[in-house]
Amino acid sequence: MKDGYVMVFSTVADGGQAADIARAVVGEGLAACCNIVPGLRSVYKWKGELCDAPEVLCIFKTRAPLFERLRDRIRELHGYEVPEVVSVDITDGLVDYLDWIKANTVTDP
């Protein structure tokens, strides 16, 4: 398991689902924060069909050791059959902000 911090991206169908997932995982300490970005439009292939649909982007900030638990919890709460849950390493950042992430997430991965 690696140390450090990550941003985790997930798209959902609407703002209600985004808020429900955000409240759950932040409340459980799996993420310190979730930005909910409405107004997204996604074009993708699903089961052989071209889709063009509105979505909402969730951006979670957490510690890298919590990624698997966060991923699994998002999947549990998500409405899609195969949800997007991808992690990007935070290679640098304001130390005070990174300390805030650490202070607001669970310490036992």
C-alpha atoms as a PDB file:
ATOM      1  CA  MET A   1       0.000   0.000   0.000  1.00  0.00           C
ATOM      2  CA  LYS A   2       1.432   3.378  -0.963  1.00  0.00           C
ATOM      3  CA  ASP A   3       1.514   6.532   1.117  1.00  0.00           C
ATOM      4  CA  GLY A   4       0.524   9.965  -0.100  1.00  0.00           C
ATOM      5  CA  TYR A   5      -2.621  11.560  -1.412  1.00  0.00           C
ATOM      6  CA  VAL A   6      -4.924  11.041  -4.382  1.00  0.00           C
ATOM      7  CA  MET A   7      -7.826  12.638  -6.186  1.00  0.00           C
ATOM      8  CA  VAL A   8     -10.530  10.176  -7.159  1.00  0.00           C
ATOM      9  CA  PHE A   9     -12.884  10.924 -10.048  1.00  0.00           C
ATOM     10  CA  SER A  10     -16.338   9.466 -10.563  1.00  0.00           C
ATOM     11  CA  THR A  11     -19.231  10.518 -12.779  1.00  0.00           C
ATOM     12  CA  VAL A  12     -22.848   9.978 -11.745  1.00  0.00           C
ATOM     13  CA  ALA A  13     -26.226  10.504 -13.373  1.00  0.00           C
ATOM     14  CA  ASP A  14     -27.408  13.489 -11.314  1.00  0.00           C
ATOM     15  CA  GLY A  15     -26.680  15.884  -8.489  1.00  0.00           C
ATOM     16  CA  GLY A  16     -28.803  14.003  -5.986  1.00  0.00           C
ATOM     17  CA  GLN A  17     -26.780  10.836  -6.364  1.00  0.00           C
ATOM     18  CA  ALA A  18     -23.549  12.854  -6.269  1.00  0.00           C
ATOM     19  CA  ALA A  19     -24.573  14.493  -2.983  1.00  0.00           C
ATOM     20  CA  ASP A  20     -25.651  11.180  -1.459  1.00  0.00           C
ATOM     21  CA  ILE A  21     -22.322   9.533  -2.293  1.00  0.00           C
ATOM     22  CA  ALA A  22     -20.331  12.589  -1.173  1.00  0.00           C
ATOM     23  CA  ARG A  23     -22.115  12.817   2.186  1.00  0.00           C
ATOM     24  CA  ALA A  24     -21.642   9.091   2.823  1.00  0.00           C
ATOM     25  CA  VAL A  25     -17.923   8.836   2.058  1.00  0.00           C
ATOM     26  CA  VAL A  26     -16.961  12.161   3.655  1.00  0.00           C
ATOM     27  CA  GLY A  27     -19.093  11.315   6.683  1.00  0.00           C
ATOM     28  CA  GLU A  28     -17.345   7.936   6.963  1.00  0.00           C
ATOM     29  CA  GLY A  29     -13.903   9.559   6.696  1.00  0.00           C
ATOM     30  CA  LEU A  30     -12.999   7.824   3.444  1.00  0.00           C
ATOM     31  CA  ALA A  31     -12.505  11.215   1.782  1.00  0.00           C
ATOM     32  CA  ALA A  32     -11.879  14.642   3.289  1.00  0.00           C
ATOM     33  CA  CYS A  33     -13.814  16.437   0.569  1.00  0.00           C
ATOM     34  CA  CYS A  34     -15.854  15.924  -2.567  1.00  0.00           C
ATOM     35  CA  ASN A  35     -16.304  18.602  -5.201  1.00  0.00           C
ATOM     36  CA  ILE A  36     -19.531  18.149  -7.143  1.00  0.00           C
ATOM     37  CA  VAL A  37     -19.312  19.590 -10.646  1.00  0.00           C
ATOM     38  CA  PRO A  38     -22.652  19.733 -12.511  1.00  0.00           C
ATOM     39  CA  GLY A  39     -23.160  20.374 -16.191  1.00  0.00           C
ATOM     40  CA  LEU A  40     -20.950  17.630 -17.571  1.00  0.00           C
ATOM     41  CA  ARG A  41     -21.786  15.983 -20.889  1.00  0.00           C
ATOM     42  CA  SER A  42     -20.342  12.557 -21.580  1.00  0.00           C
ATOM     43  CA  VAL A  43     -20.112  10.798 -24.937  1.00  0.00           C
ATOM     44  CA  TYR A  44     -19.227   7.120 -24.614  1.00  0.00           C
ATOM     45  CA  LYS A  45     -19.932   3.630 -25.889  1.00  0.00           C
ATOM     46  CA  TRP A  46     -21.938   1.283 -23.692  1.00  0.00           C
ATOM     47  CA  LYS A  47     -22.891  -2.232 -24.752  1.00  0.00           C
ATOM     48  CA  GLY A  48     -22.161  -1.406 -28.389  1.00  0.00           C
ATOM     49  CA  GLU A  49     -24.248   1.777 -28.496  1.00  0.00           C
ATOM     50  CA  LEU A  50     -23.038   5.350 -28.733  1.00  0.00           C
ATOM     51  CA  CYS A  51     -24.386   7.336 -25.780  1.00  0.00           C
ATOM     52  CA  ASP A  52     -24.533  11.081 -25.192  1.00  0.00           C
ATOM     53  CA  ALA A  53     -25.755  11.939 -21.716  1.00  0.00           C
ATOM     54  CA  PRO A  54     -25.612  14.620 -19.013  1.00  0.00           C
ATOM     55  CA  GLU A  55     -23.603  13.644 -15.940  1.00  0.00           C
ATOM     56  CA  VAL A  56     -22.197  15.145 -12.755  1.00  0.00           C
ATOM     57  CA  LEU A  57     -18.499  14.843 -11.860  1.00  0.00           C
ATOM     58  CA  CYS A  58     -17.399  14.032  -8.308  1.00  0.00           C
ATOM     59  CA  ILE A  59     -13.811  14.803  -7.308  1.00  0.00           C
ATOM     60  CA  PHE A  60     -12.804  13.227  -4.004  1.00  0.00           C
ATOM     61  CA  LYS A  61      -9.624  14.089  -2.089  1.00  0.00           C
ATOM     62  CA  THR A  62      -8.214  11.390   0.146  1.00  0.00           C
ATOM     63  CA  ARG A  63      -5.117   9.543   1.284  1.00  0.00           C
ATOM     64  CA  ALA A  64      -3.738   6.886  -1.075  1.00  0.00           C
ATOM     65  CA  PRO A  65      -4.028   4.056   1.477  1.00  0.00           C
ATOM     66  CA  LEU A  66      -7.804   4.657   1.582  1.00  0.00           C
ATOM     67  CA  PHE A  67      -8.337   4.357  -2.174  1.00  0.00           C
ATOM     68  CA  GLU A  68      -9.523   0.741  -2.216  1.00  0.00           C
ATOM     69  CA  ARG A  69     -12.048   1.320   0.574  1.00  0.00           C
ATOM     70  CA  LEU A  70     -13.272   4.513  -1.100  1.00  0.00           C
ATOM     71  CA  ARG A  71     -13.507   2.771  -4.483  1.00  0.00           C
ATOM     72  CA  ASP A  72     -15.515  -0.086  -3.027  1.00  0.00           C
ATOM     73  CA  ARG A  73     -17.848   2.254  -1.132  1.00  0.00           C
ATOM     74  CA  ILE A  74     -18.492   4.411  -4.213  1.00  0.00           C
ATOM     75  CA  ARG A  75     -19.274   1.269  -6.191  1.00  0.00           C
ATOM     76  CA  GLU A  76     -21.676   0.134  -3.455  1.00  0.00           C
ATOM     77  CA  LEU A  77     -23.546   3.456  -3.512  1.00  0.00           C
ATOM     78  CA  HIS A  78     -23.363   4.134  -7.263  1.00  0.00           C
ATOM     79  CA  GLY A  79     -26.273   3.668  -9.655  1.00  0.00           C
ATOM     80  CA  TYR A  80     -24.238   2.553 -12.678  1.00  0.00           C
ATOM     81  CA  GLU A  81     -23.465  -1.059 -13.511  1.00  0.00           C
ATOM     82  CA  VAL A  82     -19.816  -0.127 -14.127  1.00  0.00           C
ATOM     83  CA  PRO A  83     -19.055   3.203 -12.466  1.00  0.00           C
ATOM     84  CA  GLU A  84     -16.043   5.312 -13.268  1.00  0.00           C
ATOM     85  CA  VAL A  85     -13.742   5.316 -10.235  1.00  0.00           C
ATOM     86  CA  VAL A  86     -10.213   6.405 -11.106  1.00  0.00           C
ATOM     87  CA  SER A  87      -7.394   7.658  -8.932  1.00  0.00           C
ATOM     88  CA  VAL A  88      -4.744  10.251  -9.762  1.00  0.00           C
ATOM     89  CA  ASP A  89      -1.743  10.765  -7.499  1.00  0.00           C
ATOM     90  CA  ILE A  90      -1.270  14.187  -5.963  1.00  0.00           C
ATOM     91  CA  THR A  91       2.463  14.636  -6.472  1.00  0.00           C
ATOM     92  CA  ASP A  92       2.692  17.986  -4.724  1.00  0.00           C
ATOM     93  CA  GLY A  93       0.462  20.454  -2.960  1.00  0.00           C
ATOM     94  CA  LEU A  94       0.116  23.009  -0.214  1.00  0.00           C
ATOM     95  CA  VAL A  95       1.313  21.198   2.913  1.00  0.00           C
ATOM     96  CA  ASP A  96      -1.426  22.734   5.067  1.00  0.00           C
ATOM     97  CA  TYR A  97      -4.071  21.405   2.647  1.00  0.00           C
ATOM     98  CA  LEU A  98      -2.543  17.924   2.569  1.00  0.00           C
ATOM     99  CA  ASP A  99      -2.396  17.964   6.371  1.00  0.00           C
ATOM    100  CA  TRP A 100      -6.102  18.901   6.366  1.00  0.00           C
ATOM    101  CA  ILE A 101      -6.882  15.864   4.172  1.00  0.00           C
ATOM    102  CA  LYS A 102      -4.966  13.670   6.607  1.00  0.00           C
ATOM    103  CA  ALA A 103      -6.750  15.140   9.628  1.00  0.00           C
ATOM    104  CA  ASN A 104     -10.180  14.587   8.063  1.00  0.00           C
ATOM    105  CA  THR A 105      -9.843  10.978   6.927  1.00  0.00           C
ATOM    106  CA  VAL A 106      -9.782   7.766   8.912  1.00  0.00           C
ATOM    107  CA  THR A 107      -6.363   6.632  10.007  1.00  0.00           C
ATOM    108  CA  ASP A 108      -6.901   2.871   9.733  1.00  0.00           C
ATOM    109  CA  PRO A 109      -7.024   1.790   6.095  1.00  0.00           C
END
